[in-house]
Amino acid sequence: AASVLQMRAPAQLQWLAWCIGPMLLQAYAAVLVVR
């Protein structure tokens, strides 16, 4: 997420990067909890 911010990516790509990170971390935690 920080690299997308540093690259001065378009706003849509920055928004996508900032949203995908938390979703992937939530999915990672959920998979471990379900087990």
PDB file of all heavy atoms in Angstrom:
ATOM      1  N   ALA A   1       0.829  -1.207   0.000  1.00  0.00           N
ATOM      2  CA  ALA A   1       0.000   0.000   0.000  1.00  0.00           C
ATOM      3  C   ALA A   1       0.864   1.258   0.000  1.00  0.00           C
ATOM      4  O   ALA A   1       0.563   2.233  -0.699  1.00  0.00           O
ATOM      5  CB  ALA A   1      -0.928  -0.009   1.202  1.00  0.00           C
ATOM      6  N   ALA A   2       1.962   1.246   0.759  1.00  0.00           N
ATOM      7  CA  ALA A   2       2.847   2.411   0.808  1.00  0.00           C
ATOM      8  C   ALA A   2       3.563   2.616  -0.523  1.00  0.00           C
ATOM      9  O   ALA A   2       3.794   3.755  -0.941  1.00  0.00           O
ATOM     10  CB  ALA A   2       3.854   2.249   1.936  1.00  0.00           C
ATOM     11  N   SER A   3       3.894   1.532  -1.207  1.00  0.00           N
ATOM     12  CA  SER A   3       4.581   1.673  -2.491  1.00  0.00           C
ATOM     13  C   SER A   3       3.663   2.296  -3.538  1.00  0.00           C
ATOM     14  O   SER A   3       4.098   3.095  -4.368  1.00  0.00           O
ATOM     15  CB  SER A   3       5.107   0.323  -2.969  1.00  0.00           C
ATOM     16  OG  SER A   3       4.041  -0.540  -3.268  1.00  0.00           O
ATOM     17  N   VAL A   4       2.387   1.967  -3.520  1.00  0.00           N
ATOM     18  CA  VAL A   4       1.437   2.583  -4.442  1.00  0.00           C
ATOM     19  C   VAL A   4       1.338   4.080  -4.156  1.00  0.00           C
ATOM     20  O   VAL A   4       1.269   4.898  -5.072  1.00  0.00           O
ATOM     21  CB  VAL A   4       0.057   1.895  -4.346  1.00  0.00           C
ATOM     22  CG1 VAL A   4      -1.007   2.674  -5.080  1.00  0.00           C
ATOM     23  CG2 VAL A   4       0.140   0.483  -4.872  1.00  0.00           C
ATOM     24  N   LEU A   5       1.369   4.438  -2.875  1.00  0.00           N
ATOM     25  CA  LEU A   5       1.331   5.847  -2.505  1.00  0.00           C
ATOM     26  C   LEU A   5       2.592   6.570  -2.972  1.00  0.00           C
ATOM     27  O   LEU A   5       2.526   7.683  -3.494  1.00  0.00           O
ATOM     28  CB  LEU A   5       1.174   5.978  -0.987  1.00  0.00           C
ATOM     29  CG  LEU A   5       1.000   7.376  -0.438  1.00  0.00           C
ATOM     30  CD1 LEU A   5      -0.299   7.975  -0.946  1.00  0.00           C
ATOM     31  CD2 LEU A   5       1.009   7.346   1.075  1.00  0.00           C
ATOM     32  N   GLN A   6       3.743   5.934  -2.838  1.00  0.00           N
ATOM     33  CA  GLN A   6       5.008   6.543  -3.243  1.00  0.00           C
ATOM     34  C   GLN A   6       5.131   6.676  -4.751  1.00  0.00           C
ATOM     35  O   GLN A   6       5.784   7.584  -5.244  1.00  0.00           O
ATOM     36  CB  GLN A   6       6.204   5.736  -2.717  1.00  0.00           C
ATOM     37  CG  GLN A   6       6.537   6.006  -1.290  1.00  0.00           C
ATOM     38  CD  GLN A   6       7.058   7.414  -1.088  1.00  0.00           C
ATOM     39  OE1 GLN A   6       6.777   8.347  -1.809  1.00  0.00           O
ATOM     40  NE2 GLN A   6       7.842   7.573  -0.049  1.00  0.00           N
ATOM     41  N   MET A   7       4.531   5.770  -5.490  1.00  0.00           N
ATOM     42  CA  MET A   7       4.623   5.808  -6.952  1.00  0.00           C
ATOM     43  C   MET A   7       3.739   6.898  -7.546  1.00  0.00           C
ATOM     44  O   MET A   7       3.740   7.099  -8.746  1.00  0.00           O
ATOM     45  CB  MET A   7       4.221   4.459  -7.558  1.00  0.00           C
ATOM     46  CG  MET A   7       5.204   3.353  -7.279  1.00  0.00           C
ATOM     47  SD  MET A   7       4.818   1.818  -8.142  1.00  0.00           S
ATOM     48  CE  MET A   7       3.119   1.542  -7.777  1.00  0.00           C
ATOM     49  N   ARG A   8       2.971   7.555  -6.709  1.00  0.00           N
ATOM     50  CA  ARG A   8       2.035   8.583  -7.171  1.00  0.00           C
ATOM     51  C   ARG A   8       1.059   8.011  -8.214  1.00  0.00           C
ATOM     52  O   ARG A   8       0.851   8.587  -9.278  1.00  0.00           O
ATOM     53  CB  ARG A   8       2.765   9.785  -7.727  1.00  0.00           C
ATOM     54  CG  ARG A   8       3.829  10.341  -6.828  1.00  0.00           C
ATOM     55  CD  ARG A   8       3.476  11.753  -6.434  1.00  0.00           C
ATOM     56  NE  ARG A   8       4.587  12.424  -5.754  1.00  0.00           N
ATOM     57  CZ  ARG A   8       4.790  12.386  -4.456  1.00  0.00           C
ATOM     58  NH1 ARG A   8       4.011  11.670  -3.700  1.00  0.00           N
ATOM     59  NH2 ARG A   8       5.779  13.047  -3.893  1.00  0.00           N
ATOM     60  N   ALA A   9       0.543   6.857  -7.867  1.00  0.00           N
ATOM     61  CA  ALA A   9      -0.402   6.180  -8.756  1.00  0.00           C
ATOM     62  C   ALA A   9      -1.700   6.990  -8.837  1.00  0.00           C
ATOM     63  O   ALA A   9      -1.972   7.833  -7.974  1.00  0.00           O
ATOM     64  CB  ALA A   9      -0.684   4.781  -8.230  1.00  0.00           C
ATOM     65  N   PRO A  10      -2.504   6.735  -9.849  1.00  0.00           N
ATOM     66  CA  PRO A  10      -3.811   7.410  -9.934  1.00  0.00           C
ATOM     67  C   PRO A  10      -4.651   7.112  -8.682  1.00  0.00           C
ATOM     68  O   PRO A  10      -4.473   6.093  -8.018  1.00  0.00           O
ATOM     69  CB  PRO A  10      -4.459   6.804 -11.176  1.00  0.00           C
ATOM     70  CG  PRO A  10      -3.344   6.217 -11.958  1.00  0.00           C
ATOM     71  CD  PRO A  10      -2.265   5.872 -10.994  1.00  0.00           C
ATOM     72  N   ALA A  11      -5.568   8.008  -8.392  1.00  0.00           N
ATOM     73  CA  ALA A  11      -6.379   7.905  -7.169  1.00  0.00           C
ATOM     74  C   ALA A  11      -7.140   6.579  -7.099  1.00  0.00           C
ATOM     75  O   ALA A  11      -7.272   5.998  -6.025  1.00  0.00           O
ATOM     76  CB  ALA A  11      -7.348   9.074  -7.078  1.00  0.00           C
ATOM     77  N   GLN A  12      -7.630   6.089  -8.250  1.00  0.00           N
ATOM     78  CA  GLN A  12      -8.383   4.833  -8.242  1.00  0.00           C
ATOM     79  C   GLN A  12      -7.497   3.661  -7.842  1.00  0.00           C
ATOM     80  O   GLN A  12      -7.927   2.761  -7.111  1.00  0.00           O
ATOM     81  CB  GLN A  12      -8.994   4.556  -9.628  1.00  0.00           C
ATOM     82  CG  GLN A  12     -10.028   5.554 -10.053  1.00  0.00           C
ATOM     83  CD  GLN A  12      -9.409   6.766 -10.741  1.00  0.00           C
ATOM     84  OE1 GLN A  12      -8.201   6.857 -10.917  1.00  0.00           O
ATOM     85  NE2 GLN A  12     -10.245   7.717 -11.111  1.00  0.00           N
ATOM     86  N   LEU A  13      -6.252   3.664  -8.311  1.00  0.00           N
ATOM     87  CA  LEU A  13      -5.330   2.585  -7.960  1.00  0.00           C
ATOM     88  C   LEU A  13      -4.922   2.678  -6.492  1.00  0.00           C
ATOM     89  O   LEU A  13      -4.800   1.656  -5.811  1.00  0.00           O
ATOM     90  CB  LEU A  13      -4.096   2.624  -8.867  1.00  0.00           C
ATOM     91  CG  LEU A  13      -3.109   1.469  -8.712  1.00  0.00           C
ATOM     92  CD1 LEU A  13      -3.797   0.137  -8.963  1.00  0.00           C
ATOM     93  CD2 LEU A  13      -1.940   1.639  -9.660  1.00  0.00           C
ATOM     94  N   GLN A  14      -4.735   3.885  -5.991  1.00  0.00           N
ATOM     95  CA  GLN A  14      -4.416   4.057  -4.570  1.00  0.00           C
ATOM     96  C   GLN A  14      -5.577   3.553  -3.714  1.00  0.00           C
ATOM     97  O   GLN A  14      -5.373   2.833  -2.739  1.00  0.00           O
ATOM     98  CB  GLN A  14      -4.146   5.523  -4.249  1.00  0.00           C
ATOM     99  CG  GLN A  14      -2.817   6.008  -4.723  1.00  0.00           C
ATOM    100  CD  GLN A  14      -2.561   7.437  -4.295  1.00  0.00           C
ATOM    101  OE1 GLN A  14      -3.243   7.964  -3.415  1.00  0.00           O
ATOM    102  NE2 GLN A  14      -1.584   8.069  -4.908  1.00  0.00           N
ATOM    103  N   TRP A  15      -6.788   3.915  -4.087  1.00  0.00           N
ATOM    104  CA  TRP A  15      -7.964   3.474  -3.343  1.00  0.00           C
ATOM    105  C   TRP A  15      -8.046   1.959  -3.336  1.00  0.00           C
ATOM    106  O   TRP A  15      -8.307   1.352  -2.307  1.00  0.00           O
ATOM    107  CB  TRP A  15      -9.218   4.080  -3.969  1.00  0.00           C
ATOM    108  CG  TRP A  15     -10.476   3.637  -3.317  1.00  0.00           C
ATOM    109  CD1 TRP A  15     -11.048   4.161  -2.205  1.00  0.00           C
ATOM    110  CD2 TRP A  15     -11.307   2.554  -3.720  1.00  0.00           C
ATOM    111  NE1 TRP A  15     -12.197   3.473  -1.899  1.00  0.00           N
ATOM    112  CE2 TRP A  15     -12.373   2.477  -2.812  1.00  0.00           C
ATOM    113  CE3 TRP A  15     -11.252   1.640  -4.770  1.00  0.00           C
ATOM    114  CZ2 TRP A  15     -13.384   1.538  -2.916  1.00  0.00           C
ATOM    115  CZ3 TRP A  15     -12.258   0.693  -4.865  1.00  0.00           C
ATOM    116  CH2 TRP A  15     -13.316   0.652  -3.952  1.00  0.00           C
ATOM    117  N   LEU A  16      -7.800   1.345  -4.491  1.00  0.00           N
ATOM    118  CA  LEU A  16      -7.844  -0.107  -4.594  1.00  0.00           C
ATOM    119  C   LEU A  16      -6.784  -0.753  -3.706  1.00  0.00           C
ATOM    120  O   LEU A  16      -7.058  -1.723  -2.989  1.00  0.00           O
ATOM    121  CB  LEU A  16      -7.656  -0.528  -6.052  1.00  0.00           C
ATOM    122  CG  LEU A  16      -7.793  -2.011  -6.363  1.00  0.00           C
ATOM    123  CD1 LEU A  16      -9.207  -2.477  -6.067  1.00  0.00           C
ATOM    124  CD2 LEU A  16      -7.445  -2.270  -7.820  1.00  0.00           C
ATOM    125  N   ALA A  17      -5.566  -0.212  -3.720  1.00  0.00           N
ATOM    126  CA  ALA A  17      -4.488  -0.770  -2.894  1.00  0.00           C
ATOM    127  C   ALA A  17      -4.797  -0.625  -1.410  1.00  0.00           C
ATOM    128  O   ALA A  17      -4.530  -1.537  -0.624  1.00  0.00           O
ATOM    129  CB  ALA A  17      -3.170  -0.080  -3.231  1.00  0.00           C
ATOM    130  N   TRP A  18      -5.361   0.504  -1.011  1.00  0.00           N
ATOM    131  CA  TRP A  18      -5.675   0.714   0.407  1.00  0.00           C
ATOM    132  C   TRP A  18      -6.836  -0.161   0.854  1.00  0.00           C
ATOM    133  O   TRP A  18      -6.971  -0.452   2.040  1.00  0.00           O
ATOM    134  CB  TRP A  18      -6.005   2.177   0.677  1.00  0.00           C
ATOM    135  CG  TRP A  18      -4.853   3.107   0.534  1.00  0.00           C
ATOM    136  CD1 TRP A  18      -4.657   4.001  -0.476  1.00  0.00           C
ATOM    137  CD2 TRP A  18      -3.713   3.245   1.395  1.00  0.00           C
ATOM    138  NE1 TRP A  18      -3.478   4.675  -0.286  1.00  0.00           N
ATOM    139  CE2 TRP A  18      -2.882   4.244   0.853  1.00  0.00           C
ATOM    140  CE3 TRP A  18      -3.317   2.621   2.567  1.00  0.00           C
ATOM    141  CZ2 TRP A  18      -1.689   4.628   1.437  1.00  0.00           C
ATOM    142  CZ3 TRP A  18      -2.124   3.019   3.148  1.00  0.00           C
ATOM    143  CH2 TRP A  18      -1.326   4.004   2.591  1.00  0.00           C
ATOM    144  N   CYS A  19      -7.691  -0.589  -0.072  1.00  0.00           N
ATOM    145  CA  CYS A  19      -8.827  -1.444   0.292  1.00  0.00           C
ATOM    146  C   CYS A  19      -8.479  -2.928   0.260  1.00  0.00           C
ATOM    147  O   CYS A  19      -8.980  -3.697   1.073  1.00  0.00           O
ATOM    148  CB  CYS A  19     -10.006  -1.187  -0.645  1.00  0.00           C
ATOM    149  SG  CYS A  19     -10.742   0.418  -0.421  1.00  0.00           S
ATOM    150  N   ILE A  20      -7.646  -3.334  -0.671  1.00  0.00           N
ATOM    151  CA  ILE A  20      -7.329  -4.755  -0.817  1.00  0.00           C
ATOM    152  C   ILE A  20      -6.502  -5.257   0.357  1.00  0.00           C
ATOM    153  O   ILE A  20      -6.710  -6.373   0.835  1.00  0.00           O
ATOM    154  CB  ILE A  20      -6.627  -5.019  -2.164  1.00  0.00           C
ATOM    155  CG1 ILE A  20      -7.651  -4.891  -3.284  1.00  0.00           C
ATOM    156  CG2 ILE A  20      -5.970  -6.380  -2.197  1.00  0.00           C
ATOM    157  CD1 ILE A  20      -7.093  -5.077  -4.666  1.00  0.00           C
ATOM    158  N   GLY A  21      -5.578  -4.440   0.868  1.00  0.00           N
ATOM    159  CA  GLY A  21      -4.739  -4.856   2.000  1.00  0.00           C
ATOM    160  C   GLY A  21      -5.550  -5.306   3.201  1.00  0.00           C
ATOM    161  O   GLY A  21      -5.383  -6.427   3.695  1.00  0.00           O
ATOM    162  N   PRO A  22      -6.463  -4.455   3.714  1.00  0.00           N
ATOM    163  CA  PRO A  22      -7.283  -4.893   4.855  1.00  0.00           C
ATOM    164  C   PRO A  22      -8.148  -6.105   4.552  1.00  0.00           C
ATOM    165  O   PRO A  22      -8.327  -6.973   5.410  1.00  0.00           O
ATOM    166  CB  PRO A  22      -8.154  -3.666   5.164  1.00  0.00           C
ATOM    167  CG  PRO A  22      -7.404  -2.521   4.625  1.00  0.00           C
ATOM    168  CD  PRO A  22      -6.662  -3.036   3.424  1.00  0.00           C
ATOM    169  N   MET A  23      -8.671  -6.203   3.330  1.00  0.00           N
ATOM    170  CA  MET A  23      -9.505  -7.362   2.984  1.00  0.00           C
ATOM    171  C   MET A  23      -8.684  -8.649   3.017  1.00  0.00           C
ATOM    172  O   MET A  23      -9.147  -9.677   3.521  1.00  0.00           O
ATOM    173  CB  MET A  23     -10.148  -7.171   1.618  1.00  0.00           C
ATOM    174  CG  MET A  23     -11.256  -6.143   1.625  1.00  0.00           C
ATOM    175  SD  MET A  23     -12.235  -6.066   0.113  1.00  0.00           S
ATOM    176  CE  MET A  23     -11.026  -5.702  -1.123  1.00  0.00           C
ATOM    177  N   LEU A  24      -7.455  -8.598   2.489  1.00  0.00           N
ATOM    178  CA  LEU A  24      -6.606  -9.792   2.501  1.00  0.00           C
ATOM    179  C   LEU A  24      -6.196 -10.173   3.923  1.00  0.00           C
ATOM    180  O   LEU A  24      -6.156 -11.360   4.265  1.00  0.00           O
ATOM    181  CB  LEU A  24      -5.375  -9.571   1.629  1.00  0.00           C
ATOM    182  CG  LEU A  24      -5.639  -9.494   0.128  1.00  0.00           C
ATOM    183  CD1 LEU A  24      -4.363  -9.179  -0.632  1.00  0.00           C
ATOM    184  CD2 LEU A  24      -6.264 -10.777  -0.377  1.00  0.00           C
ATOM    185  N   LEU A  25      -5.902  -9.174   4.752  1.00  0.00           N
ATOM    186  CA  LEU A  25      -5.550  -9.477   6.136  1.00  0.00           C
ATOM    187  C   LEU A  25      -6.741 -10.064   6.895  1.00  0.00           C
ATOM    188  O   LEU A  25      -6.574 -10.992   7.693  1.00  0.00           O
ATOM    189  CB  LEU A  25      -5.039  -8.216   6.849  1.00  0.00           C
ATOM    190  CG  LEU A  25      -3.652  -7.755   6.428  1.00  0.00           C
ATOM    191  CD1 LEU A  25      -3.327  -6.413   7.058  1.00  0.00           C
ATOM    192  CD2 LEU A  25      -2.601  -8.773   6.814  1.00  0.00           C
ATOM    193  N   GLN A  26      -7.938  -9.529   6.647  1.00  0.00           N
ATOM    194  CA  GLN A  26      -9.133 -10.089   7.290  1.00  0.00           C
ATOM    195  C   GLN A  26      -9.367 -11.524   6.827  1.00  0.00           C
ATOM    196  O   GLN A  26      -9.723 -12.395   7.626  1.00  0.00           O
ATOM    197  CB  GLN A  26     -10.366  -9.228   6.967  1.00  0.00           C
ATOM    198  CG  GLN A  26     -10.364  -7.874   7.604  1.00  0.00           C
ATOM    199  CD  GLN A  26     -10.693  -7.898   9.080  1.00  0.00           C
ATOM    200  OE1 GLN A  26     -10.987  -8.926   9.676  1.00  0.00           O
ATOM    201  NE2 GLN A  26     -10.628  -6.732   9.686  1.00  0.00           N
ATOM    202  N   ALA A  27      -9.167 -11.786   5.542  1.00  0.00           N
ATOM    203  CA  ALA A  27      -9.342 -13.143   5.020  1.00  0.00           C
ATOM    204  C   ALA A  27      -8.308 -14.094   5.623  1.00  0.00           C
ATOM    205  O   ALA A  27      -8.638 -15.228   5.990  1.00  0.00           O
ATOM    206  CB  ALA A  27      -9.242 -13.137   3.498  1.00  0.00           C
ATOM    207  N   TYR A  28      -7.059 -13.636   5.738  1.00  0.00           N
ATOM    208  CA  TYR A  28      -5.996 -14.445   6.343  1.00  0.00           C
ATOM    209  C   TYR A  28      -6.367 -14.816   7.785  1.00  0.00           C
ATOM    210  O   TYR A  28      -6.289 -15.980   8.188  1.00  0.00           O
ATOM    211  CB  TYR A  28      -4.679 -13.668   6.297  1.00  0.00           C
ATOM    212  CG  TYR A  28      -3.558 -14.251   7.121  1.00  0.00           C
ATOM    213  CD1 TYR A  28      -2.873 -15.380   6.700  1.00  0.00           C
ATOM    214  CD2 TYR A  28      -3.185 -13.665   8.334  1.00  0.00           C
ATOM    215  CE1 TYR A  28      -1.848 -15.913   7.452  1.00  0.00           C
ATOM    216  CE2 TYR A  28      -2.154 -14.188   9.087  1.00  0.00           C
ATOM    217  CZ  TYR A  28      -1.493 -15.312   8.643  1.00  0.00           C
ATOM    218  OH  TYR A  28      -0.476 -15.835   9.402  1.00  0.00           O
ATOM    219  N   ALA A  29      -6.796 -13.815   8.565  1.00  0.00           N
ATOM    220  CA  ALA A  29      -7.180 -14.070   9.961  1.00  0.00           C
ATOM    221  C   ALA A  29      -8.403 -14.986  10.027  1.00  0.00           C
ATOM    222  O   ALA A  29      -8.466 -15.892  10.865  1.00  0.00           O
ATOM    223  CB  ALA A  29      -7.453 -12.754  10.682  1.00  0.00           C
ATOM    224  N   ALA A  30      -9.361 -14.783   9.140  1.00  0.00           N
ATOM    225  CA  ALA A  30     -10.578 -15.604   9.153  1.00  0.00           C
ATOM    226  C   ALA A  30     -10.270 -17.065   8.855  1.00  0.00           C
ATOM    227  O   ALA A  30     -10.836 -17.968   9.487  1.00  0.00           O
ATOM    228  CB  ALA A  30     -11.589 -15.060   8.149  1.00  0.00           C
ATOM    229  N   VAL A  31      -9.380 -17.306   7.918  1.00  0.00           N
ATOM    230  CA  VAL A  31      -9.017 -18.691   7.583  1.00  0.00           C
ATOM    231  C   VAL A  31      -8.389 -19.370   8.795  1.00  0.00           C
ATOM    232  O   VAL A  31      -8.702 -20.532   9.103  1.00  0.00           O
ATOM    233  CB  VAL A  31      -8.070 -18.719   6.369  1.00  0.00           C
ATOM    234  CG1 VAL A  31      -7.402 -20.069   6.217  1.00  0.00           C
ATOM    235  CG2 VAL A  31      -8.825 -18.365   5.111  1.00  0.00           C
ATOM    236  N   LEU A  32      -7.537 -18.668   9.526  1.00  0.00           N
ATOM    237  CA  LEU A  32      -6.909 -19.263  10.703  1.00  0.00           C
ATOM    238  C   LEU A  32      -7.908 -19.493  11.824  1.00  0.00           C
ATOM    239  O   LEU A  32      -7.853 -20.512  12.515  1.00  0.00           O
ATOM    240  CB  LEU A  32      -5.755 -18.378  11.195  1.00  0.00           C
ATOM    241  CG  LEU A  32      -4.549 -18.293  10.274  1.00  0.00           C
ATOM    242  CD1 LEU A  32      -3.469 -17.413  10.889  1.00  0.00           C
ATOM    243  CD2 LEU A  32      -3.984 -19.662   9.966  1.00  0.00           C
ATOM    244  N   VAL A  33      -8.852 -18.578  11.998  1.00  0.00           N
ATOM    245  CA  VAL A  33      -9.843 -18.727  13.067  1.00  0.00           C
ATOM    246  C   VAL A  33     -10.803 -19.862  12.755  1.00  0.00           C
ATOM    247  O   VAL A  33     -11.174 -20.643  13.641  1.00  0.00           O
ATOM    248  CB  VAL A  33     -10.598 -17.395  13.275  1.00  0.00           C
ATOM    249  CG1 VAL A  33     -11.804 -17.579  14.178  1.00  0.00           C
ATOM    250  CG2 VAL A  33      -9.668 -16.357  13.866  1.00  0.00           C
ATOM    251  N   VAL A  34     -11.206 -19.998  11.510  1.00  0.00           N
ATOM    252  CA  VAL A  34     -12.144 -21.061  11.133  1.00  0.00           C
ATOM    253  C   VAL A  34     -11.526 -22.434  11.342  1.00  0.00           C
ATOM    254  O   VAL A  34     -12.231 -23.404  11.609  1.00  0.00           O
ATOM    255  CB  VAL A  34     -12.606 -20.862   9.665  1.00  0.00           C
ATOM    256  CG1 VAL A  34     -13.345 -22.063   9.139  1.00  0.00           C
ATOM    257  CG2 VAL A  34     -13.483 -19.632   9.570  1.00  0.00           C
ATOM    258  N   ARG A  35     -10.215 -22.528  11.294  1.00  0.00           N
ATOM    259  CA  ARG A  35      -9.546 -23.817  11.478  1.00  0.00           C
ATOM    260  C   ARG A  35      -9.463 -24.245  12.941  1.00  0.00           C
ATOM    261  O   ARG A  35      -9.080 -25.380  13.222  1.00  0.00           O
ATOM    262  CB  ARG A  35      -8.142 -23.750  10.886  1.00  0.00           C
ATOM    263  CG  ARG A  35      -8.171 -23.606   9.376  1.00  0.00           C
ATOM    264  CD  ARG A  35      -6.814 -23.471   8.781  1.00  0.00           C
ATOM    265  NE  ARG A  35      -5.925 -24.517   9.264  1.00  0.00           N
ATOM    266  CZ  ARG A  35      -4.613 -24.484   9.154  1.00  0.00           C
ATOM    267  NH1 ARG A  35      -4.027 -23.458   8.584  1.00  0.00           N
ATOM    268  NH2 ARG A  35      -3.871 -25.464   9.609  1.00  0.00           N
TER     269      ARG A  35
END
